[in-house]
Protein backbone atom coordinates (compact mmCIF):
# COMPACT_ATOMS: atom_id res chain seq x y z
CA MET A 1 31.93 105.42 56.34
CA VAL A 2 35.42 105.02 57.78
CA SER A 3 37.31 101.87 56.72
CA ASN A 4 39.10 99.74 59.33
CA PHE A 5 41.89 99.19 56.84
CA HIS A 6 44.77 101.65 57.09
CA LEU A 7 47.65 101.87 54.68
CA PRO A 8 51.09 101.60 56.30
CA PRO A 9 52.99 104.87 56.62
CA MET A 10 55.23 105.79 53.73
CA GLY A 11 58.92 105.04 54.08
CA PHE A 12 58.63 101.81 56.07
CA GLY A 13 58.90 98.14 55.11
CA PRO A 14 60.64 96.19 52.34
CA GLY A 15 61.35 98.19 49.21
CA SER A 16 60.74 101.53 50.90
CA GLN A 17 64.41 102.55 50.95
CA PRO A 18 66.61 103.25 47.93
CA GLU A 19 68.84 100.31 47.06
CA ASP A 20 72.58 100.73 46.84
CA GLU A 21 74.24 97.60 45.52
CA ASP A 22 77.65 98.71 46.79
CA ALA A 23 76.47 99.60 50.29
CA GLN A 24 77.62 97.42 53.17
CA LEU A 25 76.32 97.16 56.69
CA GLU A 26 78.70 98.57 59.27
CA TYR A 27 78.86 96.90 62.67
CA MET A 28 80.57 97.95 65.88
CA GLN A 29 83.95 96.29 66.19
CA LEU A 30 83.61 93.35 68.59
CA PRO A 31 86.40 91.77 70.65
CA SER A 32 88.82 89.73 68.58
CA GLY A 33 92.17 88.04 68.86
CA MET A 34 91.31 85.50 71.53
CA ARG A 35 94.38 84.29 73.43
CA THR A 36 94.88 80.54 73.44
CA TYR A 37 97.29 78.28 75.29
CA SER A 38 100.32 76.98 73.47
CA ALA A 39 102.69 74.66 75.26
CA HIS A 40 106.23 75.86 75.90
CA MET A 41 108.79 73.25 76.80
CA PRO A 42 111.90 74.70 78.46
CA ASP A 43 115.19 73.38 77.06
CA ILE A 44 117.17 71.97 80.00
CA ASP A 45 120.60 70.39 79.46
CA ASP A 46 120.91 68.87 82.93
CA PRO A 47 117.59 68.29 84.77
CA SER A 48 119.50 67.42 87.95
CA SER A 49 120.65 71.05 88.24
CA VAL A 50 117.06 72.29 88.51
CA THR A 51 115.71 69.68 90.90
CA PRO A 52 114.23 72.29 93.31
CA ALA A 53 112.30 73.96 90.48
CA LEU A 54 111.02 70.63 89.18
CA LYS A 55 109.85 69.66 92.66
CA THR A 56 108.06 72.99 93.00
CA LEU A 57 106.32 72.47 89.65
CA ALA A 58 105.26 68.98 90.68
CA ASP A 59 103.86 70.36 93.94
CA VAL A 60 102.03 73.09 91.99
CA ALA A 61 100.43 70.45 89.76
CA LYS A 62 99.15 68.58 92.82
CA ALA A 63 97.92 71.85 94.30
CA CYS A 64 95.91 72.55 91.13
CA GLU A 65 94.07 69.25 91.60
CA ALA A 66 93.34 70.13 95.23
CA ALA A 67 92.27 73.68 94.34
CA ALA A 68 89.75 72.28 91.88
CA GLN A 69 88.04 70.79 94.93
CA GLY A 70 88.09 74.07 96.83
CA GLY A 71 91.60 74.26 98.29
CA MET A 72 94.32 76.88 97.95
CA ALA A 73 98.11 76.66 98.22
CA SER A 74 101.10 78.99 98.27
CA PHE A 75 104.72 78.31 97.27
CA ASP A 76 107.59 80.59 98.31
CA LEU A 77 110.14 81.04 95.52
CA SER A 78 112.61 83.27 97.36
CA HIS A 79 114.88 80.34 98.30
CA LEU A 80 115.50 79.30 94.69
CA ASP A 81 118.81 80.17 93.00
CA ALA A 82 118.88 82.10 89.74
CA GLU A 83 118.82 79.04 87.47
CA ASN A 84 115.88 77.40 89.23
CA ARG A 85 113.97 80.67 89.50
CA ALA A 86 114.50 81.30 85.78
CA LEU A 87 113.06 77.89 84.95
CA ILE A 88 109.96 78.65 87.01
CA ALA A 89 109.52 81.97 85.21
CA GLU A 90 110.01 80.42 81.78
CA THR A 91 107.58 77.60 82.48
CA MET A 92 104.88 79.81 84.00
CA GLY A 93 104.88 82.42 81.21
CA GLN A 94 102.12 85.04 81.17
CA GLY A 95 98.43 84.22 80.99
CA GLU A 96 95.29 86.27 80.50
CA VAL A 97 94.81 88.01 83.85
CA ALA A 98 96.95 90.60 85.63
CA MET A 99 96.20 92.38 88.91
CA LYS A 100 97.46 95.36 90.86
CA ILE A 101 96.78 95.10 94.59
CA ARG A 102 97.41 98.19 96.69
CA GLY A 103 98.41 97.98 100.33
CA ILE A 104 101.48 96.99 102.31
CA PRO A 105 103.17 95.46 100.55
CA ALA A 106 101.78 96.44 97.16
CA LEU A 107 101.48 93.33 94.99
CA ALA A 108 101.76 92.72 91.27
CA VAL A 109 99.92 89.56 90.23
CA GLN A 110 100.26 87.81 86.89
CA GLU A 111 98.34 84.69 86.03
CA SER A 112 100.58 82.11 84.40
CA VAL A 113 99.70 80.26 81.21
CA PHE A 114 98.22 77.69 83.57
CA ALA A 115 94.86 79.07 84.68
CA GLY A 116 94.60 79.39 88.44
CA VAL A 117 98.37 79.50 88.94
CA TRP A 118 99.31 83.04 89.98
CA MET A 119 102.76 84.63 90.11
CA ILE A 120 102.83 87.22 92.92
CA ALA A 121 105.59 89.77 93.47
CA GLY A 122 106.07 92.62 95.93
CA SER A 123 108.49 93.95 98.51
CA GLY A 124 109.75 90.80 100.22
CA VAL A 125 107.24 88.66 98.29
CA ASP A 126 108.06 86.19 95.52
CA LYS A 127 105.62 83.32 95.39
CA ILE A 128 103.12 81.23 93.47
CA GLU A 129 99.53 80.93 94.63
CA VAL A 130 97.22 78.25 93.33
CA GLY A 131 93.47 78.77 93.48
CA PRO A 132 90.53 80.35 91.70
CA VAL A 133 91.78 83.85 92.62
CA PRO A 134 94.70 85.16 94.74
CA SER A 135 93.82 85.46 98.41
CA ALA A 136 94.93 89.10 98.69
CA ALA A 137 92.59 90.07 95.85
CA LEU A 138 89.74 88.99 98.09
CA SER A 139 90.98 90.15 101.49
CA ARG A 140 92.15 93.61 100.39
CA ALA A 141 89.69 94.35 97.59
CA PHE A 142 87.52 97.00 99.23
CA GLU A 143 90.12 98.72 101.38
CA PRO A 144 89.59 102.34 100.27
CA PHE A 145 92.20 103.85 98.00
CA ARG A 146 89.73 106.66 97.33
CA LYS A 147 86.89 106.77 99.82
CA ALA A 148 83.26 106.32 98.78
CA GLU A 149 81.38 109.63 99.05
CA GLY A 150 78.04 107.78 99.04
CA LYS A 151 74.62 108.87 97.87
CA THR A 152 74.89 112.14 99.82
CA HIS A 153 77.73 113.31 97.53
CA PRO A 154 76.81 116.79 96.18
CA ARG A 155 75.00 116.68 92.84
CA GLY A 156 76.07 119.06 90.13
CA PRO A 157 74.18 120.00 86.97
CA GLY A 158 73.48 117.05 84.71
CA VAL A 159 73.36 114.43 87.48
CA VAL A 160 70.01 112.75 86.83
CA ASN A 161 69.82 108.98 87.36
CA ALA A 162 73.04 108.28 89.25
CA PRO A 163 71.69 108.85 92.81
CA ALA A 164 68.99 106.20 92.33
CA LEU A 165 71.58 103.73 91.01
CA MET A 166 73.84 104.49 93.94
CA ALA A 167 71.03 103.85 96.41
CA GLU A 168 70.49 100.45 94.75
CA LEU A 169 74.20 99.60 94.94
CA GLU A 170 74.44 100.59 98.60
CA ASP A 171 71.39 98.48 99.42
CA LYS A 172 72.72 95.42 97.59
CA SER A 173 76.19 95.92 99.06
CA GLY A 174 74.84 95.95 102.60
CA SER A 175 72.63 92.90 102.13
CA PHE A 176 75.02 90.74 100.07
CA MET A 177 75.47 87.30 101.63
CA GLY A 178 76.97 85.46 98.68
CA GLY A 179 75.24 83.71 95.80
CA GLU A 180 74.33 85.11 92.40
CA PRO A 181 75.77 88.54 91.53
CA HIS A 182 73.53 91.58 91.25
CA VAL A 183 74.35 93.49 88.05
CA VAL A 184 73.61 97.12 87.22
CA ASN A 185 74.17 97.46 83.48
CA LEU A 186 75.01 101.09 82.73
CA THR A 187 75.19 100.35 79.01
CA LEU A 188 71.44 99.65 78.93
CA LEU A 189 70.37 102.41 81.30
CA PRO A 190 69.89 106.10 80.46
CA HIS A 191 72.60 108.26 81.98
CA THR A 192 74.65 111.37 81.36
CA GLU A 193 78.40 111.85 81.48
CA GLU A 194 77.83 113.77 84.71
CA ASP A 195 76.05 110.70 86.11
CA LEU A 196 79.16 108.59 85.48
CA VAL A 197 81.48 111.10 87.11
CA TRP A 198 79.16 111.33 90.14
CA LEU A 199 78.92 107.54 90.43
CA ASP A 200 82.69 107.21 90.31
CA ALA A 201 83.05 109.63 93.22
CA ALA A 202 80.14 108.16 95.17
CA ALA A 203 81.39 104.57 94.89
CA GLY A 204 85.05 105.41 95.48
CA GLU A 205 87.89 103.06 94.58
CA GLY A 206 89.18 100.01 96.38
CA ALA A 207 92.60 98.37 96.42
CA VAL A 208 92.33 95.93 93.50
CA THR A 209 92.46 96.54 89.75
CA ILE A 210 92.25 93.59 87.34
CA LEU A 211 92.87 93.38 83.60
CA SER A 212 91.72 90.30 81.71
CA ARG A 213 92.84 89.91 78.10
CA GLY A 214 91.15 86.61 77.29
CA TYR A 215 88.86 88.00 74.59
CA GLY A 216 89.21 91.70 73.97
CA ASN A 217 90.02 93.56 77.18
CA CYS A 218 88.10 93.56 80.43
CA ARG A 219 88.95 95.98 83.24
CA VAL A 220 87.65 95.14 86.72
CA THR A 221 88.01 97.68 89.52
CA ALA A 222 87.04 97.23 93.15
CA THR A 223 85.06 100.13 94.53
CA ALA A 224 85.23 101.27 98.15
CA LEU A 225 81.80 99.72 98.76
CA PRO A 226 81.98 96.13 100.04
CA HIS A 227 81.28 93.55 97.31
CA VAL A 228 80.80 96.21 94.58
CA TRP A 229 82.96 95.98 91.45
CA ARG A 230 83.07 98.06 88.25
CA VAL A 231 83.37 95.72 85.24
CA GLN A 232 84.08 97.23 81.82
CA PHE A 233 84.58 95.41 78.52
CA PHE A 234 86.47 96.98 75.60
CA ASN A 235 86.77 95.75 72.04
CA SER A 236 90.04 95.49 70.09
CA MET A 237 89.70 99.16 69.12
CA ASP A 238 89.62 100.04 72.86
CA THR A 239 85.99 101.15 72.59
CA LEU A 240 83.88 100.59 75.70
CA ILE A 241 81.14 98.12 74.75
CA LEU A 242 79.81 97.02 78.15
CA ASP A 243 79.89 98.97 81.42
CA THR A 244 78.48 97.43 84.59
CA PHE A 245 78.59 97.38 88.36
CA GLU A 246 78.54 93.90 89.90
CA VAL A 247 77.70 93.17 93.52
CA THR A 248 79.54 89.90 94.13
CA THR A 249 82.53 88.38 95.89
CA MET A 250 84.65 88.44 92.72
CA PRO A 251 83.50 88.94 89.10
CA GLU A 252 83.49 85.68 87.19
CA VAL A 253 85.78 87.03 84.46
CA ALA A 254 88.70 87.03 86.95
CA ILE A 255 88.10 83.57 88.44
CA ALA A 256 89.78 80.35 87.34
CA ALA A 257 87.09 77.70 87.04
CA LYS A 258 87.33 74.19 88.47
CA GLU A 259 87.78 72.77 84.98
CA ASP A 260 90.64 75.21 84.31
CA LEU A 261 92.48 74.09 87.43
CA VAL A 262 92.13 70.41 86.51
CA ASP A 263 93.45 71.21 83.03
CA SER A 264 96.36 73.20 84.49
CA ALA A 265 97.39 70.22 86.62
CA GLU A 266 97.48 67.98 83.56
CA ARG A 267 99.46 70.44 81.46
CA ILE A 268 102.09 71.08 84.14
CA VAL A 269 102.63 67.32 84.41
CA GLU A 270 103.09 67.20 80.61
CA VAL A 271 105.77 69.91 80.83
CA LEU A 272 107.55 68.05 83.64
CA GLU A 273 107.57 64.84 81.66
CA ALA A 274 109.04 66.64 78.66
CA ILE A 275 111.82 68.20 80.76
CA ARG A 276 112.75 64.97 82.51
């Protein structure tokens, strides 16, 4: 007669493994060193000499409040003299997000320490933009820097799952009308190195590259497919820990939230009061 009771296989369960009192669990290094805001109060001997800069900062604070309700604003800095421009630079500092925007003119974007306040520089361009994300990062994003070869791109040895993923991305790109992002998480899906190389060629590269250093490092790259972004998270050891494609207008990691803009308005006013 065969019993319905079966002993568990050897080598499994509590007490089945040799104990080592000195052994320690080893975990993958996670992001660390989160950047936090610390107020910097410029030291001004004569506030009357920097009146234009103070007015610009006051206008930026008001623009932050308006942007929290959906508006955007731009402030040209090219008319400021060296002293006033230096005060703007000192007050703005450098925040978590930087962008490179290809095109004419090419633009370097640096978020200030006030979330949603962006310093933008390029040939003939020196300005502040206030809003969730710089306008050029949206309007130029998918202009091809390296064209998308698409799902018909020749497949070499080792390309296994990438064509199916590309077909999904092209479908979601073509049908995207706003709303929740569609995410393809490469970290959780089986793929080969050849798959990644093929996907990179098939998706191409757009005009915008973003680096966010808020918690670890996040690199966001526009592809040459409309609304398709490559979003990669790295830990403090520069090890890739999350690799995704997002079909969306702009990945959330690069966007200043409404609450951030309201907070920025309040903090700029605090700095102005301290200077005056």
